[in-house]
């Protein structure tokens, strides 16, 4: 039940972003069990840097920060659930139609690859640091 509520919060907050950041348009997205993939198109970019705009509220960092904040607050209101995002985010400027098509396809196929995904907790690899004995 909580997992579905969390997913719905993440989805609804994502879909609500254009209501708070007027110069953006959402494209493909996929909510995974512990991360999200999505394409945000920022209209009216300044110069050659699409991640920036005249309005500070449409800076990609601000958009992602507001999304994470909204989702965190709503999920943490659920009974005894503590939710935290990883720090920062990974971004990529999409420069060509072919690249856009490829990224959309990757986003769409992400659930199919979940069993082998490095973000799937069952696939986390523990590295041993010098001086530490993992069996002790």
N, C-alpha and C. Protein backbone atom coordinates (compact mmCIF):
# COMPACT_ATOMS: atom_id res chain seq x y z
N UNK A 1 0.82 -1.20 0.00
CA UNK A 1 0.00 0.00 0.00
C UNK A 1 0.86 1.26 0.00
N UNK A 2 1.83 1.34 0.90
CA UNK A 2 2.69 2.53 0.98
C UNK A 2 3.50 2.68 -0.31
N UNK A 3 3.99 1.58 -0.86
CA UNK A 3 4.76 1.65 -2.09
C UNK A 3 3.92 2.29 -3.20
N UNK A 4 2.65 1.89 -3.32
CA UNK A 4 1.78 2.46 -4.33
C UNK A 4 1.52 3.94 -4.06
N UNK A 5 1.34 4.29 -2.79
CA UNK A 5 1.13 5.69 -2.43
C UNK A 5 2.36 6.51 -2.80
N UNK A 6 3.53 6.01 -2.51
CA UNK A 6 4.77 6.72 -2.82
C UNK A 6 4.92 6.90 -4.32
N UNK A 7 4.65 5.85 -5.06
CA UNK A 7 4.74 5.94 -6.52
C UNK A 7 3.74 6.98 -7.06
N UNK A 8 2.52 6.96 -6.52
CA UNK A 8 1.51 7.92 -6.97
C UNK A 8 1.92 9.36 -6.64
N UNK A 9 2.51 9.55 -5.47
CA UNK A 9 2.99 10.88 -5.09
C UNK A 9 4.07 11.32 -6.06
N UNK A 10 5.02 10.44 -6.34
CA UNK A 10 6.11 10.77 -7.27
C UNK A 10 5.57 11.09 -8.65
N UNK A 11 4.62 10.28 -9.12
CA UNK A 11 4.04 10.48 -10.45
C UNK A 11 3.25 11.79 -10.52
N UNK A 12 2.36 12.00 -9.56
CA UNK A 12 1.52 13.20 -9.58
C UNK A 12 2.36 14.47 -9.42
N UNK A 13 3.40 14.41 -8.61
CA UNK A 13 4.27 15.58 -8.44
C UNK A 13 5.04 15.86 -9.72
N UNK A 14 5.46 14.81 -10.41
CA UNK A 14 6.15 14.98 -11.70
C UNK A 14 5.22 15.65 -12.71
N UNK A 15 4.02 15.12 -12.81
CA UNK A 15 3.05 15.65 -13.78
C UNK A 15 2.61 17.09 -13.44
N UNK A 16 2.76 17.47 -12.19
CA UNK A 16 2.37 18.81 -11.74
C UNK A 16 3.48 19.86 -11.98
N UNK A 17 4.68 19.42 -12.31
CA UNK A 17 5.80 20.36 -12.47
C UNK A 17 5.49 21.52 -13.43
N UNK A 18 4.88 21.28 -14.59
CA UNK A 18 4.62 22.41 -15.50
C UNK A 18 3.69 23.47 -14.91
N UNK A 19 2.92 23.13 -13.90
CA UNK A 19 2.06 24.11 -13.25
C UNK A 19 2.85 25.07 -12.37
N UNK A 20 4.06 24.68 -12.01
CA UNK A 20 4.91 25.50 -11.14
C UNK A 20 6.09 26.10 -11.89
N UNK A 21 6.42 25.53 -13.01
CA UNK A 21 7.55 25.99 -13.84
C UNK A 21 6.99 26.13 -15.25
N UNK A 22 6.54 27.32 -15.57
CA UNK A 22 5.75 27.57 -16.77
C UNK A 22 6.48 27.32 -18.09
N UNK A 23 7.79 27.41 -18.10
CA UNK A 23 8.53 27.27 -19.37
C UNK A 23 9.04 25.85 -19.61
N UNK A 24 8.46 24.87 -18.96
CA UNK A 24 8.91 23.50 -19.19
C UNK A 24 7.79 22.67 -19.78
N UNK A 25 8.22 21.61 -20.43
CA UNK A 25 7.31 20.60 -20.97
C UNK A 25 7.90 19.26 -20.60
N UNK A 26 7.06 18.36 -20.15
CA UNK A 26 7.53 17.02 -19.78
C UNK A 26 7.42 16.10 -20.98
N UNK A 27 8.37 15.20 -21.06
CA UNK A 27 8.39 14.20 -22.13
C UNK A 27 8.32 12.84 -21.43
N UNK A 28 8.98 11.87 -21.96
CA UNK A 28 8.95 10.51 -21.40
C UNK A 28 9.46 10.52 -19.95
N UNK A 29 8.86 9.66 -19.13
CA UNK A 29 9.36 9.47 -17.76
C UNK A 29 8.97 8.08 -17.29
N UNK A 30 9.72 7.59 -16.30
CA UNK A 30 9.46 6.28 -15.73
C UNK A 30 9.84 6.33 -14.26
N UNK A 31 8.92 5.93 -13.41
CA UNK A 31 9.20 5.87 -11.98
C UNK A 31 9.58 4.44 -11.66
N UNK A 32 10.79 4.30 -11.15
CA UNK A 32 11.32 3.00 -10.77
C UNK A 32 11.18 2.85 -9.26
N UNK A 33 11.44 1.66 -8.71
CA UNK A 33 11.29 1.49 -7.26
C UNK A 33 12.15 2.43 -6.41
N UNK A 34 13.32 2.85 -6.92
CA UNK A 34 14.15 3.72 -6.09
C UNK A 34 14.77 4.89 -6.86
N UNK A 35 14.25 5.19 -8.02
CA UNK A 35 14.71 6.35 -8.77
C UNK A 35 13.71 6.67 -9.89
N UNK A 36 13.94 7.78 -10.56
CA UNK A 36 13.06 8.20 -11.64
C UNK A 36 13.91 8.61 -12.83
N UNK A 37 13.41 8.33 -14.01
CA UNK A 37 14.02 8.80 -15.25
C UNK A 37 13.00 9.72 -15.90
N UNK A 38 13.44 10.85 -16.42
CA UNK A 38 12.50 11.73 -17.07
C UNK A 38 13.19 12.75 -17.95
N UNK A 39 12.46 13.19 -18.94
CA UNK A 39 12.95 14.22 -19.84
C UNK A 39 12.14 15.48 -19.58
N UNK A 40 12.86 16.56 -19.30
CA UNK A 40 12.25 17.87 -19.12
C UNK A 40 12.75 18.76 -20.24
N UNK A 41 11.83 19.34 -20.97
CA UNK A 41 12.19 20.27 -22.05
C UNK A 41 11.99 21.68 -21.52
N UNK A 42 13.07 22.45 -21.50
CA UNK A 42 13.01 23.83 -21.03
C UNK A 42 12.89 24.72 -22.26
N UNK A 43 11.80 25.42 -22.37
CA UNK A 43 11.56 26.32 -23.49
C UNK A 43 12.26 27.65 -23.24
N UNK A 44 12.54 28.36 -24.33
CA UNK A 44 13.18 29.67 -24.27
C UNK A 44 14.53 29.65 -23.56
N UNK A 45 15.42 28.76 -23.96
CA UNK A 45 16.74 28.74 -23.34
C UNK A 45 17.54 29.99 -23.68
N UNK A 46 18.48 30.30 -22.83
CA UNK A 46 19.35 31.45 -23.05
C UNK A 46 20.65 30.95 -23.67
N UNK A 47 21.06 31.52 -24.77
CA UNK A 47 22.33 31.12 -25.39
C UNK A 47 22.31 29.66 -25.79
N UNK A 48 23.42 28.99 -25.57
CA UNK A 48 23.56 27.58 -25.92
C UNK A 48 23.37 26.67 -24.74
N UNK A 49 22.88 27.19 -23.63
CA UNK A 49 22.73 26.38 -22.43
C UNK A 49 21.26 26.14 -22.13
N UNK A 50 20.68 25.05 -22.65
CA UNK A 50 19.25 24.80 -22.45
C UNK A 50 18.86 24.62 -20.99
N UNK A 51 19.80 24.31 -20.11
CA UNK A 51 19.45 24.10 -18.71
C UNK A 51 19.22 25.42 -17.98
N UNK A 52 19.48 26.53 -18.63
CA UNK A 52 19.32 27.84 -18.00
C UNK A 52 18.20 28.60 -18.69
N UNK A 53 17.57 29.46 -17.97
CA UNK A 53 16.57 30.32 -18.58
C UNK A 53 16.58 31.65 -17.87
N UNK A 54 15.88 32.62 -18.44
CA UNK A 54 15.81 33.94 -17.84
C UNK A 54 15.20 33.86 -16.45
N UNK A 55 14.20 33.06 -16.29
CA UNK A 55 13.52 32.91 -15.02
C UNK A 55 14.24 31.88 -14.16
N UNK A 56 14.70 32.28 -12.98
CA UNK A 56 15.44 31.37 -12.11
C UNK A 56 14.63 30.15 -11.72
N UNK A 57 13.30 30.26 -11.73
CA UNK A 57 12.45 29.12 -11.38
C UNK A 57 12.47 28.02 -12.44
N UNK A 58 13.03 28.30 -13.60
CA UNK A 58 13.08 27.29 -14.65
C UNK A 58 14.48 26.76 -14.87
N UNK A 59 15.37 27.00 -13.94
CA UNK A 59 16.69 26.40 -13.95
C UNK A 59 16.50 24.93 -13.58
N UNK A 60 17.18 24.03 -14.28
CA UNK A 60 16.98 22.60 -14.06
C UNK A 60 17.21 22.20 -12.61
N UNK A 61 18.22 22.77 -11.97
CA UNK A 61 18.49 22.43 -10.56
C UNK A 61 17.32 22.84 -9.67
N UNK A 62 16.73 23.99 -9.94
CA UNK A 62 15.58 24.46 -9.16
C UNK A 62 14.38 23.55 -9.40
N UNK A 63 14.17 23.16 -10.64
CA UNK A 63 13.04 22.29 -10.99
C UNK A 63 13.17 20.95 -10.27
N UNK A 64 14.33 20.33 -10.36
CA UNK A 64 14.53 19.03 -9.72
C UNK A 64 14.48 19.18 -8.21
N UNK A 65 15.06 20.25 -7.68
CA UNK A 65 15.02 20.48 -6.24
C UNK A 65 13.59 20.63 -5.73
N UNK A 66 12.76 21.36 -6.46
CA UNK A 66 11.37 21.53 -6.02
C UNK A 66 10.61 20.21 -6.12
N UNK A 67 10.89 19.44 -7.15
CA UNK A 67 10.26 18.13 -7.30
C UNK A 67 10.62 17.22 -6.11
N UNK A 68 11.92 17.14 -5.82
CA UNK A 68 12.37 16.29 -4.72
C UNK A 68 11.77 16.74 -3.39
N UNK A 69 11.73 18.04 -3.18
CA UNK A 69 11.19 18.58 -1.93
C UNK A 69 9.71 18.24 -1.78
N UNK A 70 8.94 18.45 -2.84
CA UNK A 70 7.51 18.15 -2.80
C UNK A 70 7.25 16.68 -2.52
N UNK A 71 7.95 15.81 -3.24
CA UNK A 71 7.77 14.37 -3.06
C UNK A 71 8.16 13.95 -1.65
N UNK A 72 9.30 14.46 -1.17
CA UNK A 72 9.77 14.10 0.17
C UNK A 72 8.75 14.49 1.23
N UNK A 73 8.27 15.71 1.18
CA UNK A 73 7.29 16.18 2.19
C UNK A 73 6.04 15.33 2.18
N UNK A 74 5.53 15.03 0.98
CA UNK A 74 4.29 14.25 0.90
C UNK A 74 4.49 12.81 1.36
N UNK A 75 5.60 12.19 0.97
CA UNK A 75 5.83 10.80 1.38
C UNK A 75 6.09 10.71 2.87
N UNK A 76 6.81 11.67 3.42
CA UNK A 76 7.11 11.63 4.86
C UNK A 76 5.86 11.84 5.72
N UNK A 77 4.77 12.32 5.14
CA UNK A 77 3.51 12.45 5.87
C UNK A 77 2.81 11.11 6.04
N UNK A 78 3.19 10.13 5.24
CA UNK A 78 2.62 8.79 5.35
C UNK A 78 3.11 8.18 6.66
N UNK A 79 2.28 7.42 7.30
CA UNK A 79 2.60 6.84 8.61
C UNK A 79 3.98 6.22 8.68
N UNK A 80 4.82 6.78 9.52
CA UNK A 80 6.15 6.24 9.85
C UNK A 80 7.06 5.97 8.65
N UNK A 81 6.88 6.70 7.59
CA UNK A 81 7.74 6.53 6.43
C UNK A 81 8.75 7.67 6.42
N UNK A 82 10.04 7.31 6.32
CA UNK A 82 11.08 8.31 6.16
C UNK A 82 11.67 8.11 4.77
N UNK A 83 11.57 9.13 3.97
CA UNK A 83 12.01 9.05 2.58
C UNK A 83 13.10 10.07 2.35
N UNK A 84 14.16 9.64 1.67
CA UNK A 84 15.25 10.56 1.32
C UNK A 84 15.70 10.26 -0.11
N UNK A 85 16.05 11.33 -0.82
CA UNK A 85 16.60 11.20 -2.16
C UNK A 85 18.12 11.09 -2.07
N UNK A 86 18.71 10.53 -3.11
CA UNK A 86 20.16 10.63 -3.23
C UNK A 86 20.50 12.10 -3.48
N UNK A 87 21.71 12.49 -3.16
CA UNK A 87 22.11 13.87 -3.42
C UNK A 87 22.26 14.09 -4.91
N UNK A 88 21.96 15.29 -5.33
CA UNK A 88 22.15 15.73 -6.70
C UNK A 88 21.25 14.95 -7.67
N UNK A 89 21.60 14.99 -8.94
CA UNK A 89 20.88 14.26 -9.98
C UNK A 89 21.81 14.17 -11.19
N UNK A 90 21.48 13.26 -12.08
CA UNK A 90 22.27 13.10 -13.30
C UNK A 90 21.50 13.76 -14.43
N UNK A 91 22.18 14.66 -15.15
CA UNK A 91 21.51 15.30 -16.27
C UNK A 91 22.32 15.08 -17.55
N UNK A 92 21.62 15.26 -18.63
CA UNK A 92 22.22 15.05 -19.95
C UNK A 92 21.49 15.96 -20.93
N UNK A 93 22.23 16.76 -21.67
CA UNK A 93 21.61 17.61 -22.67
C UNK A 93 21.39 16.78 -23.93
N UNK A 94 20.15 16.73 -24.38
CA UNK A 94 19.79 15.98 -25.57
C UNK A 94 19.91 16.92 -26.76
N UNK A 95 20.80 16.57 -27.67
CA UNK A 95 21.12 17.49 -28.77
C UNK A 95 20.53 17.10 -30.12
N UNK A 96 20.15 15.84 -30.29
CA UNK A 96 19.64 15.42 -31.59
C UNK A 96 18.34 14.63 -31.44
N UNK A 97 17.60 14.56 -32.52
CA UNK A 97 16.36 13.77 -32.53
C UNK A 97 16.67 12.30 -32.29
N UNK A 98 17.75 11.79 -32.89
CA UNK A 98 18.13 10.39 -32.69
C UNK A 98 18.44 10.11 -31.22
N UNK A 99 19.14 11.03 -30.58
CA UNK A 99 19.46 10.88 -29.17
C UNK A 99 18.18 10.89 -28.34
N UNK A 100 17.26 11.79 -28.66
CA UNK A 100 15.98 11.85 -27.96
C UNK A 100 15.23 10.53 -28.09
N UNK A 101 15.18 9.98 -29.30
CA UNK A 101 14.50 8.70 -29.52
C UNK A 101 15.15 7.59 -28.70
N UNK A 102 16.48 7.55 -28.69
CA UNK A 102 17.20 6.51 -27.93
C UNK A 102 16.94 6.63 -26.44
N UNK A 103 16.95 7.86 -25.93
CA UNK A 103 16.73 8.06 -24.50
C UNK A 103 15.29 7.71 -24.13
N UNK A 104 14.34 8.08 -24.97
CA UNK A 104 12.94 7.70 -24.72
C UNK A 104 12.81 6.18 -24.66
N UNK A 105 13.48 5.49 -25.58
CA UNK A 105 13.42 4.02 -25.60
C UNK A 105 14.04 3.43 -24.34
N UNK A 106 15.17 3.98 -23.91
CA UNK A 106 15.80 3.51 -22.67
C UNK A 106 14.89 3.71 -21.47
N UNK A 107 14.25 4.86 -21.40
CA UNK A 107 13.33 5.14 -20.30
C UNK A 107 12.18 4.14 -20.32
N UNK A 108 11.60 3.92 -21.47
CA UNK A 108 10.48 3.00 -21.61
C UNK A 108 10.87 1.57 -21.23
N UNK A 109 12.10 1.17 -21.57
CA UNK A 109 12.55 -0.20 -21.32
C UNK A 109 13.18 -0.40 -19.95
N UNK A 110 13.31 0.65 -19.17
CA UNK A 110 13.97 0.54 -17.88
C UNK A 110 13.36 -0.53 -16.98
N UNK A 111 12.03 -0.63 -16.86
CA UNK A 111 11.48 -1.68 -15.99
C UNK A 111 11.84 -3.09 -16.44
N UNK A 112 11.97 -3.31 -17.74
CA UNK A 112 12.33 -4.63 -18.24
C UNK A 112 13.72 -5.04 -17.74
N UNK A 113 14.59 -4.05 -17.59
CA UNK A 113 15.98 -4.30 -17.19
C UNK A 113 16.20 -4.19 -15.69
N UNK A 114 15.14 -4.03 -14.89
CA UNK A 114 15.29 -3.78 -13.46
C UNK A 114 16.08 -4.87 -12.74
N UNK A 115 15.89 -6.12 -13.10
CA UNK A 115 16.61 -7.20 -12.42
C UNK A 115 18.12 -7.07 -12.54
N UNK A 116 18.59 -6.45 -13.62
CA UNK A 116 20.03 -6.28 -13.82
C UNK A 116 20.51 -4.86 -13.55
N UNK A 117 19.61 -3.98 -13.14
CA UNK A 117 19.93 -2.57 -12.94
C UNK A 117 20.86 -2.39 -11.74
N UNK A 118 21.90 -1.55 -11.91
CA UNK A 118 22.83 -1.29 -10.81
C UNK A 118 22.15 -0.57 -9.65
N UNK A 119 21.00 0.07 -9.88
CA UNK A 119 20.26 0.74 -8.82
C UNK A 119 19.32 -0.19 -8.06
N UNK A 120 19.18 -1.43 -8.52
CA UNK A 120 18.38 -2.41 -7.82
C UNK A 120 19.17 -2.86 -6.60
N UNK A 121 18.61 -2.70 -5.39
CA UNK A 121 19.36 -3.05 -4.18
C UNK A 121 19.94 -4.45 -4.16
N UNK A 122 19.32 -5.41 -4.84
CA UNK A 122 19.88 -6.76 -4.84
C UNK A 122 21.18 -6.82 -5.64
N UNK A 123 21.46 -5.80 -6.45
CA UNK A 123 22.68 -5.77 -7.25
C UNK A 123 23.76 -4.88 -6.68
N UNK A 124 23.51 -4.28 -5.50
CA UNK A 124 24.54 -3.42 -4.91
C UNK A 124 25.79 -4.24 -4.64
N UNK A 125 26.90 -3.66 -4.98
CA UNK A 125 28.17 -4.33 -4.73
C UNK A 125 28.86 -3.64 -3.57
N UNK A 126 29.34 -4.42 -2.62
CA UNK A 126 30.07 -3.88 -1.49
C UNK A 126 31.55 -3.98 -1.81
N UNK A 127 32.24 -2.86 -1.71
CA UNK A 127 33.67 -2.88 -1.95
C UNK A 127 34.39 -2.89 -0.62
N UNK A 128 35.45 -3.64 -0.56
CA UNK A 128 36.24 -3.75 0.66
C UNK A 128 37.34 -2.73 0.62
N UNK A 129 37.42 -1.91 1.67
CA UNK A 129 38.47 -0.91 1.76
C UNK A 129 39.65 -1.49 2.51
N UNK A 130 40.82 -0.98 2.22
CA UNK A 130 42.04 -1.44 2.88
C UNK A 130 41.88 -1.30 4.39
N UNK A 131 42.27 -2.33 5.10
CA UNK A 131 42.24 -2.29 6.56
C UNK A 131 40.95 -2.77 7.16
N UNK A 132 39.95 -3.03 6.33
CA UNK A 132 38.68 -3.52 6.86
C UNK A 132 38.51 -4.97 6.52
N UNK A 133 38.04 -5.72 7.49
CA UNK A 133 37.82 -7.14 7.29
C UNK A 133 36.31 -7.37 7.27
N UNK A 134 35.72 -7.62 6.10
CA UNK A 134 34.27 -7.74 6.01
C UNK A 134 33.71 -8.95 6.75
N UNK A 135 34.53 -9.92 7.07
CA UNK A 135 34.03 -11.12 7.75
C UNK A 135 34.15 -11.02 9.26
N UNK A 136 34.78 -9.95 9.75
CA UNK A 136 34.96 -9.82 11.21
C UNK A 136 33.71 -9.36 11.87
